[in-house]
Protein backbone atom coordinates (compact mmCIF):
# COMPACT_ATOMS: atom_id res chain seq x y z
CA MET A 1 -11.12 10.13 8.85
CA LEU A 2 -10.47 13.59 10.26
CA LEU A 3 -8.85 12.00 13.31
CA GLY A 4 -6.66 9.92 11.00
CA VAL A 5 -5.52 12.98 9.07
CA ALA A 6 -4.71 14.90 12.26
CA GLN A 7 -2.83 12.02 13.87
CA GLY A 8 -1.00 11.16 10.63
CA LEU A 9 0.20 14.76 10.26
CA PHE A 10 1.28 14.82 13.89
CA LEU A 11 3.28 11.58 13.64
CA GLY A 12 4.80 12.62 10.32
CA VAL A 13 6.11 15.89 11.73
CA PHE A 14 7.16 14.12 14.93
CA PHE A 15 9.38 11.57 13.17
CA LEU A 16 10.85 14.01 10.67
CA THR A 17 11.97 16.64 13.17
CA GLY A 18 14.48 16.85 15.98
CA SER A 19 16.97 14.10 16.76
CA ARG A 20 14.44 11.48 15.64
CA GLY A 21 14.74 12.70 12.05
CA LEU A 22 18.45 11.85 12.03
CA HIS A 23 17.66 8.14 11.72
CA VAL A 24 16.63 6.72 8.38
CA ALA A 25 13.93 4.40 9.78
CA ASN A 26 12.22 7.32 11.50
CA ARG A 27 12.32 9.38 8.32
CA CYS A 28 10.71 6.55 6.35
CA LEU A 29 7.99 6.18 8.98
CA GLY A 30 7.43 9.93 9.05
CA TRP A 31 6.95 10.18 5.29
CA LEU A 32 4.70 7.10 5.39
CA MET A 33 2.47 8.76 8.00
CA LEU A 34 2.22 11.91 5.85
CA ALA A 35 1.37 9.83 2.77
CA LEU A 36 -1.40 8.01 4.63
CA ALA A 37 -2.72 11.32 5.96
CA ALA A 38 -2.87 12.71 2.41
CA ILE A 39 -4.82 9.68 1.16
CA ILE A 40 -7.30 9.84 4.02
CA ALA A 41 -7.66 13.61 3.56
CA GLU A 42 -8.73 13.28 -0.08
CA ILE A 43 -11.22 10.52 0.71
CA GLY A 44 -12.64 12.63 3.53
CA LEU A 45 -12.97 15.69 1.31
CA CYS A 46 -14.80 13.66 -1.31
CA TYR A 47 -17.18 11.92 1.09
CA THR A 48 -18.18 15.21 2.71
CA ASN A 49 -18.45 16.93 -0.71
CA ALA A 50 -16.04 19.54 0.66
CA ILE A 51 -13.94 18.84 -2.44
CA MET A 52 -16.46 20.98 -4.35
CA GLN A 53 -14.82 24.02 -2.75
CA CYS A 54 -11.38 22.99 -4.03
CA LEU A 55 -11.95 20.85 -7.12
CA PHE A 56 -8.34 21.32 -8.19
CA LEU A 57 -7.40 18.88 -5.38
CA ILE A 58 -9.43 15.99 -6.81
CA ASP A 59 -7.22 12.89 -7.17
CA PHE A 60 -4.19 14.71 -5.71
CA SER A 61 -3.28 11.65 -3.65
CA GLU A 62 -3.08 9.21 -6.58
CA PRO A 63 0.72 9.55 -6.98
CA VAL A 64 1.09 9.34 -3.19
CA SER A 65 -0.66 5.95 -3.19
CA PHE A 66 2.29 4.46 -5.06
CA THR A 67 4.67 5.51 -2.26
CA VAL A 68 2.86 3.68 0.56
CA GLY A 69 4.22 0.22 -0.28
CA PRO A 70 7.85 1.31 -0.85
CA LEU A 71 7.92 3.58 2.23
CA PHE A 72 6.67 0.80 4.48
CA TYR A 73 9.25 -1.57 2.98
CA PHE A 74 11.99 1.04 3.50
CA PHE A 75 10.93 1.46 7.12
CA VAL A 76 11.13 -2.27 7.89
CA VAL A 77 14.51 -2.69 6.17
CA ALA A 78 15.94 0.42 7.84
CA ARG A 79 14.66 -0.65 11.25
CA LEU A 80 16.30 -4.05 10.86
CA HIS A 81 19.55 -3.02 9.16
CA ARG A 82 19.84 0.76 9.75
CA ARG A 83 19.99 1.44 6.04
CA LEU A 84 17.75 1.62 3.02
CA PRO A 85 17.62 -1.29 0.56
CA ARG A 86 20.11 -1.17 -2.29
CA GLN A 87 19.06 0.99 -5.24
CA TRP A 88 16.07 2.18 -3.22
CA GLY A 89 15.34 4.98 -5.70
CA TRP A 90 14.04 2.51 -8.29
CA HIS A 91 11.23 1.55 -5.91
CA LEU A 92 9.87 5.09 -6.19
CA LEU A 93 9.87 5.13 -9.99
CA PRO A 94 6.15 4.22 -10.35
CA ALA A 95 5.21 7.08 -8.02
CA LEU A 96 7.40 9.46 -10.02
CA VAL A 97 5.89 8.37 -13.34
CA TRP A 98 2.39 8.76 -11.93
CA ALA A 99 3.25 12.20 -10.54
CA VAL A 100 4.36 13.33 -14.01
CA ASN A 101 1.23 11.79 -15.50
CA ALA A 102 -0.87 13.62 -12.88
CA VAL A 103 0.11 16.95 -14.42
CA THR A 104 -2.09 16.06 -17.39
CA TRP A 105 -5.21 16.06 -15.22
CA PHE A 106 -4.22 18.63 -12.62
CA TYR A 107 -3.76 21.23 -15.34
CA GLN A 108 -7.29 21.00 -16.72
CA PRO A 109 -10.42 23.25 -16.55
CA VAL A 110 -12.70 23.07 -13.52
CA GLY A 111 -15.33 21.21 -15.55
CA PHE A 112 -12.92 18.33 -16.03
CA HIS A 113 -12.33 18.08 -12.28
CA TYR A 114 -16.06 18.26 -11.61
CA ASN A 115 -16.71 15.39 -14.04
CA SER A 116 -13.95 13.34 -12.39
CA PHE A 117 -15.53 13.85 -8.97
CA ILE A 118 -19.11 12.92 -9.91
CA HIS A 119 -17.86 9.97 -11.99
CA ALA A 120 -16.33 8.47 -8.84
CA TYR A 121 -18.72 9.58 -6.09
CA HIS A 122 -22.01 10.71 -7.67
CA PRO A 123 -22.54 8.65 -10.85
CA GLU A 124 -26.24 9.59 -10.78
CA LEU A 125 -25.45 13.26 -11.61
CA PRO A 126 -25.03 14.55 -15.19
CA TYR A 127 -21.65 15.56 -16.57
CA VAL A 128 -20.88 19.11 -17.71
CA THR A 129 -19.54 19.95 -21.14
CA THR A 130 -15.91 21.04 -21.05
CA ARG A 131 -12.76 21.07 -23.13
CA LEU A 132 -9.27 19.87 -22.28
CA TYR A 133 -6.24 22.11 -22.06
CA MET A 134 -3.89 19.25 -22.90
CA PRO A 135 -3.99 15.50 -23.68
CA HIS A 136 -5.10 13.52 -20.66
CA ASP A 137 -3.26 10.48 -19.20
CA PHE A 138 -0.31 9.79 -21.51
CA THR A 139 0.18 6.33 -19.92
CA ASN A 140 -3.39 5.21 -20.69
CA LEU A 141 -3.26 3.37 -17.36
CA ARG A 142 -5.38 5.67 -15.21
CA PRO A 143 -8.55 3.55 -15.56
CA TYR A 144 -6.58 0.80 -13.80
CA VAL A 145 -5.14 2.92 -10.98
CA SER A 146 -6.90 0.91 -8.25
CA GLU A 147 -5.54 -2.35 -9.64
CA LEU A 148 -2.04 -0.90 -9.95
CA VAL A 149 -2.07 0.38 -6.37
CA LEU A 150 -3.31 -3.02 -5.21
CA VAL A 151 -0.43 -4.78 -6.99
CA SER A 152 2.06 -2.33 -5.47
CA VAL A 153 0.76 -2.82 -1.92
CA LEU A 154 0.63 -6.60 -2.38
CA ILE A 155 4.21 -6.84 -3.66
CA TYR A 156 5.64 -4.73 -0.88
CA SER A 157 3.58 -6.51 1.77
CA ALA A 158 5.13 -9.77 0.61
CA LEU A 159 8.62 -8.26 0.55
CA THR A 160 8.33 -6.90 4.08
CA LEU A 161 7.02 -10.22 5.36
CA TYR A 162 9.96 -12.00 3.72
CA ARG A 163 12.44 -9.57 5.28
CA LEU A 164 10.86 -10.02 8.71
CA VAL A 165 10.87 -13.82 8.54
CA GLN A 166 14.51 -13.68 7.46
CA ALA A 167 15.36 -11.42 10.41
CA TYR A 168 13.66 -13.81 12.84
CA ARG A 169 15.61 -16.75 11.43
CA LEU A 170 18.94 -14.92 11.60
CA ARG A 171 18.30 -14.28 15.28
CA GLY A 172 17.30 -17.88 15.97
CA TYR A 173 13.53 -17.43 16.28
CA ARG A 174 10.37 -18.39 14.46
CA LEU A 175 7.94 -15.69 13.43
CA TRP A 176 5.40 -16.42 16.21
CA GLN A 177 7.94 -16.83 19.01
CA PRO A 178 8.63 -14.11 21.60
CA ALA A 179 11.71 -12.15 20.53
CA PRO A 180 13.55 -8.96 21.49
CA GLU A 181 12.57 -5.59 20.04
CA PRO A 182 12.16 -4.37 17.39
CA LEU A 183 11.00 -7.72 15.98
CA PRO A 184 7.61 -8.00 17.79
CA THR A 185 6.63 -4.42 16.94
CA LEU A 186 7.66 -4.85 13.32
CA ARG A 187 5.67 -8.07 13.20
CA THR A 188 2.55 -6.19 14.28
CA PHE A 189 3.14 -3.55 11.59
CA VAL A 190 3.66 -6.17 8.89
CA LEU A 191 0.54 -8.14 9.81
CA LEU A 192 -1.56 -4.97 9.79
CA ASN A 193 -0.13 -4.09 6.39
CA LEU A 194 -0.91 -7.56 5.02
CA VAL A 195 -4.62 -6.96 5.63
CA LEU A 196 -4.60 -3.86 3.41
CA PRO A 197 -4.38 -5.58 -0.02
CA LEU A 198 -7.12 -8.00 1.05
CA LEU A 199 -9.32 -5.09 2.10
CA ILE A 200 -8.63 -3.21 -1.13
CA THR A 201 -9.64 -6.29 -3.13
CA GLY A 202 -12.87 -6.73 -1.19
CA VAL A 203 -13.83 -3.06 -1.42
CA LYS A 204 -13.18 -2.79 -5.16
CA LEU A 205 -15.14 -5.98 -5.86
CA ARG A 206 -18.08 -4.81 -3.75
CA PHE A 207 -18.32 -1.11 -4.64
CA ARG A 208 -18.43 0.80 -7.91
CA GLU A 209 -15.58 3.27 -8.54
CA ASP A 210 -14.48 4.92 -5.24
CA LEU A 211 -17.70 4.53 -3.26
CA GLY A 212 -16.21 2.09 -0.76
CA ASP A 213 -13.00 3.97 -0.09
CA TYR A 214 -14.28 5.17 3.28
CA LEU A 215 -13.66 1.62 4.55
CA LEU A 216 -10.02 1.84 3.44
CA ALA A 217 -9.69 5.29 5.03
CA CYS A 218 -11.04 4.01 8.34
CA TYR A 219 -8.69 1.02 8.32
CA VAL A 220 -5.69 3.21 7.50
CA THR A 221 -6.76 5.53 10.34
CA GLY A 222 -6.68 2.47 12.59
CA ILE A 223 -3.13 1.68 11.43
CA ILE A 224 -2.04 5.22 12.27
CA TYR A 225 -3.45 4.99 15.77
CA VAL A 226 -1.98 1.53 16.34
CA THR A 227 1.36 3.00 15.31
CA CYS A 228 0.93 5.75 17.88
CA TYR A 229 -0.03 3.23 20.57
CA LEU A 230 2.90 0.92 19.87
CA LEU A 231 5.39 3.75 19.95
CA MET A 232 3.96 5.12 23.18
CA ARG A 233 4.01 1.67 24.74
CA GLY A 234 7.71 1.30 23.97
CA SER A 235 8.88 4.88 24.07
CA ASP A 236 12.45 4.01 23.11
CA PHE A 237 11.39 2.27 19.88
CA TYR A 238 12.07 5.34 17.71
CA ARG A 239 15.55 5.87 19.13
CA GLU A 240 18.63 4.15 17.72
CA LEU A 241 19.58 2.71 21.11
CA LEU A 242 20.47 -0.92 21.60
CA PRO A 243 19.53 -2.66 24.86
CA GLU A 244 22.38 -3.52 27.18
CA VAL A 245 22.63 -6.77 29.09
CA ALA A 246 23.42 -6.36 32.73
CA GLY A 247 27.18 -6.57 33.13
CA ASP A 248 27.88 -6.32 29.40
CA ALA A 249 30.06 -3.78 27.73
CA PRO A 250 28.26 -0.62 26.57
CA THR A 251 27.05 -0.41 23.01
CA GLU A 252 29.69 0.90 20.67
CA PRO A 253 28.73 4.16 18.98
CA LYS A 254 27.98 4.18 15.29
CA LYS A 255 30.71 6.77 14.64
CA LYS A 256 33.30 4.14 15.43
CA TYR A 257 32.60 2.44 12.09
CA GLU A 258 32.29 5.45 9.84
CA LYS A 259 35.80 4.95 8.38
CA SER A 260 35.59 1.17 8.13
CA ALA A 261 36.49 -0.48 4.83
CA LEU A 262 33.61 -2.97 5.01
CA THR A 263 31.25 -2.65 2.05
CA ASN A 264 27.69 -3.99 1.88
CA HIS A 265 28.89 -6.83 -0.36
CA VAL A 266 31.61 -7.83 2.11
CA GLU A 267 29.12 -7.66 4.98
CA ASP A 268 26.76 -9.96 3.07
CA GLU A 269 29.56 -12.52 2.65
CA LEU A 270 30.59 -12.28 6.29
CA LEU A 271 27.00 -12.70 7.44
CA THR A 272 26.66 -15.82 5.29
CA ARG A 273 29.87 -17.25 6.80
CA LEU A 274 28.65 -16.45 10.31
CA ASN A 275 25.32 -18.20 9.73
CA GLN A 276 27.09 -21.22 8.25
CA LEU A 277 29.40 -21.36 11.27
CA LEU A 278 26.36 -21.31 13.57
CA LEU A 279 24.87 -24.30 11.78
CA THR A 280 28.01 -26.42 11.52
CA GLU A 281 30.04 -25.68 14.66
CA LYS A 282 27.65 -23.90 17.03
CA PRO A 283 30.31 -21.67 18.57
CA HIS A 284 27.74 -19.95 20.81
CA LEU A 285 27.61 -23.08 22.99
CA ASP A 286 31.25 -22.56 23.97
CA GLY A 287 31.31 -21.16 27.49
CA THR A 288 34.57 -19.33 26.78
CA LEU A 289 33.43 -17.70 23.54
CA SER A 290 34.44 -14.06 23.19
CA LEU A 291 34.32 -11.48 20.44
CA PRO A 292 38.01 -11.97 19.49
CA LYS A 293 37.62 -15.76 19.55
CA LEU A 294 34.59 -15.72 17.26
CA ALA A 295 36.33 -13.22 14.97
CA ALA A 296 39.32 -15.56 14.71
CA GLN A 297 37.04 -18.42 13.65
CA LEU A 298 35.63 -16.18 10.90
CA ARG A 299 39.14 -14.96 9.98
CA ILE A 300 38.21 -11.29 10.44
CA SER A 301 39.17 -8.65 12.99
CA PRO A 302 37.09 -8.18 16.16
CA HIS A 303 36.42 -4.61 15.01
CA HIS A 304 34.86 -5.82 11.76
CA LEU A 305 32.83 -8.50 13.54
CA SER A 306 31.49 -5.89 15.96
CA GLN A 307 30.59 -3.66 13.01
CA LEU A 308 28.83 -6.55 11.24
CA LEU A 309 26.68 -7.34 14.27
CA ASN A 310 25.84 -3.70 14.89
CA ASP A 311 25.16 -2.70 11.27
CA ARG A 312 23.37 -5.77 9.94
CA LEU A 313 21.72 -7.30 13.01
CA GLY A 314 21.38 -4.26 15.25
CA GLN A 315 23.01 -6.11 18.16
CA THR A 316 26.07 -6.09 20.34
CA PHE A 317 28.12 -9.27 20.49
CA PHE A 318 26.64 -10.04 23.91
CA ASP A 319 23.05 -9.60 22.67
CA TRP A 320 23.79 -11.85 19.69
CA LEU A 321 25.36 -14.49 21.92
CA ALA A 322 22.52 -14.44 24.45
CA MET A 323 19.90 -14.70 21.73
CA HIS A 324 21.38 -17.85 20.18
CA ARG A 325 22.08 -19.46 23.54
CA VAL A 326 18.50 -18.87 24.69
CA ALA A 327 17.19 -20.26 21.40
CA GLU A 328 19.20 -23.44 21.99
CA ALA A 329 17.93 -23.58 25.58
CA GLN A 330 14.35 -23.36 24.31
CA ARG A 331 15.03 -26.31 22.03
CA LEU A 332 16.44 -28.37 24.93
CA LEU A 333 13.51 -27.48 27.18
CA THR A 334 10.92 -28.54 24.59
CA ASP A 335 12.67 -31.59 23.09
CA PRO A 336 11.22 -34.73 24.75
CA SER A 337 14.70 -36.30 24.87
CA THR A 338 16.18 -33.42 26.90
CA ALA A 339 13.17 -31.83 28.63
CA HIS A 340 14.02 -33.75 31.82
CA LEU A 341 17.32 -31.92 32.28
CA LYS A 342 17.76 -29.65 35.27
CA ILE A 343 17.87 -25.93 34.59
CA ASP A 344 21.51 -25.85 35.73
CA ASP A 345 22.39 -28.54 33.20
CA VAL A 346 20.59 -26.68 30.41
CA ALA A 347 22.47 -23.50 31.30
CA GLU A 348 25.78 -25.35 31.15
CA ARG A 349 24.96 -27.02 27.83
CA VAL A 350 24.19 -23.72 26.12
CA GLY A 351 27.41 -22.09 27.33
CA TYR A 352 26.54 -20.31 30.58
CA ASN A 353 28.97 -20.82 33.44
CA ALA A 354 26.61 -19.12 35.91
CA THR A 355 22.96 -20.15 36.21
CA SER A 356 21.99 -16.64 37.34
CA ALA A 357 23.30 -15.16 34.08
CA PHE A 358 21.30 -17.77 32.16
CA HIS A 359 18.11 -16.90 34.06
CA THR A 360 18.65 -13.17 33.43
CA ALA A 361 19.23 -13.59 29.69
CA PHE A 362 16.38 -16.08 29.27
CA LYS A 363 13.80 -13.89 31.01
CA ARG A 364 14.96 -10.75 29.20
CA ILE A 365 14.47 -12.39 25.80
CA THR A 366 11.37 -14.54 26.41
CA SER A 367 9.72 -12.70 29.33
CA GLN A 368 9.66 -16.06 31.15
CA THR A 369 12.00 -17.97 33.40
CA PRO A 370 13.33 -21.26 31.99
CA ALA A 371 11.09 -23.21 34.38
CA GLN A 372 8.01 -21.22 33.38
CA PHE A 373 8.81 -21.75 29.71
CA ARG A 374 9.15 -25.53 30.19
CA ASP A 375 5.96 -25.78 32.26
CA ALA A 376 4.00 -23.79 29.68
CA ASN A 377 5.28 -26.05 26.91
CA ARG A 378 4.35 -29.18 28.86
CA SER A 379 0.84 -27.82 29.46
CA ALA A 380 0.44 -27.04 25.78
CA ALA A 381 1.70 -30.48 24.79
CA GLY A 382 -0.64 -32.15 27.29
CA SER A 383 -3.63 -30.21 25.99
CA SER A 384 -2.73 -31.21 22.43
CA ARG A 385 -2.55 -34.91 23.34
CA SER A 386 -5.86 -34.73 25.19
CA ALA A 387 -7.51 -33.13 22.20
CA ARG A 388 -6.19 -35.84 19.89
CA SER A 389 -7.37 -38.56 22.27
CA SER A 390 -10.85 -37.06 22.38
């Protein structure tokens, strides 16, 4: 738990300072790390009985617990779309209400804090007689704080999973398929977060009061260290840099769109039209497709289309085009009716005029060559048929 607190504080300061703190996703992750560190710190103080030296800190992390779900949700949305969700402040309302409610037990005599501590961690000890300075818990919900935190974490775990699945679909992938960053890293985060409400449920059903919270603290410590590992493994993950395809135009800077007239509502409509166009006409299979040509089909300017792809999908036009072409190539390579096609023919069908460009894009996105991908799929299909025959 001490290691979790130290690493959480380090990551929180890391993401909130310097150039990293200029990006909204990094700020959300930084505050999330600090929130987790605060929760672990209180559990550690209680389990070591060190809280007896600072009883005024008992339950100080309760309001913070209601920020964990929203902050993680904010991080995922900001990493995918470079912005917070609409009306994001409302998501923090429960934490604000609980923080106000917390004043009613923070501002109490030391005997009250002592009774709160032994009630949760040492129920075998006797209470002390004390008086209250002010009415306690104006919401009358504090006895259900564990259940309320569980509901909060569960709701936001589901929301983040929904957002991630939606992002995979928009980019032409299924959730378990290999995909470009940041999707795989976000998938790992989301899956780790999905375990948390299950663990909370199991701990609260098994242990009385807060006696099993050390299990939660250890798991959250694990999440913090996994976060550190993932970010060290892909050291450019925390930067707002978009990967360039060899030979493609450089990524356009964000400042270019600062004076654009596109609103979030207009971007939503344009994104819907773009997805509909992909389904009905499949423009990405056109070997002559360009940014101006696609913009003309959508009846918008190339500048606005470039902004839409950068702001909402985090991609250049060339990244977007390669992703959908490779997704179509994967379908052709796995469909029994087209799996016999030569790689050159597949490249031509998905819009590549040069097989070398197709190989480069395919391996960059899937980490496999087209031939390796087809062979792996055939092996998997053969193993499946053998198992059914047995």
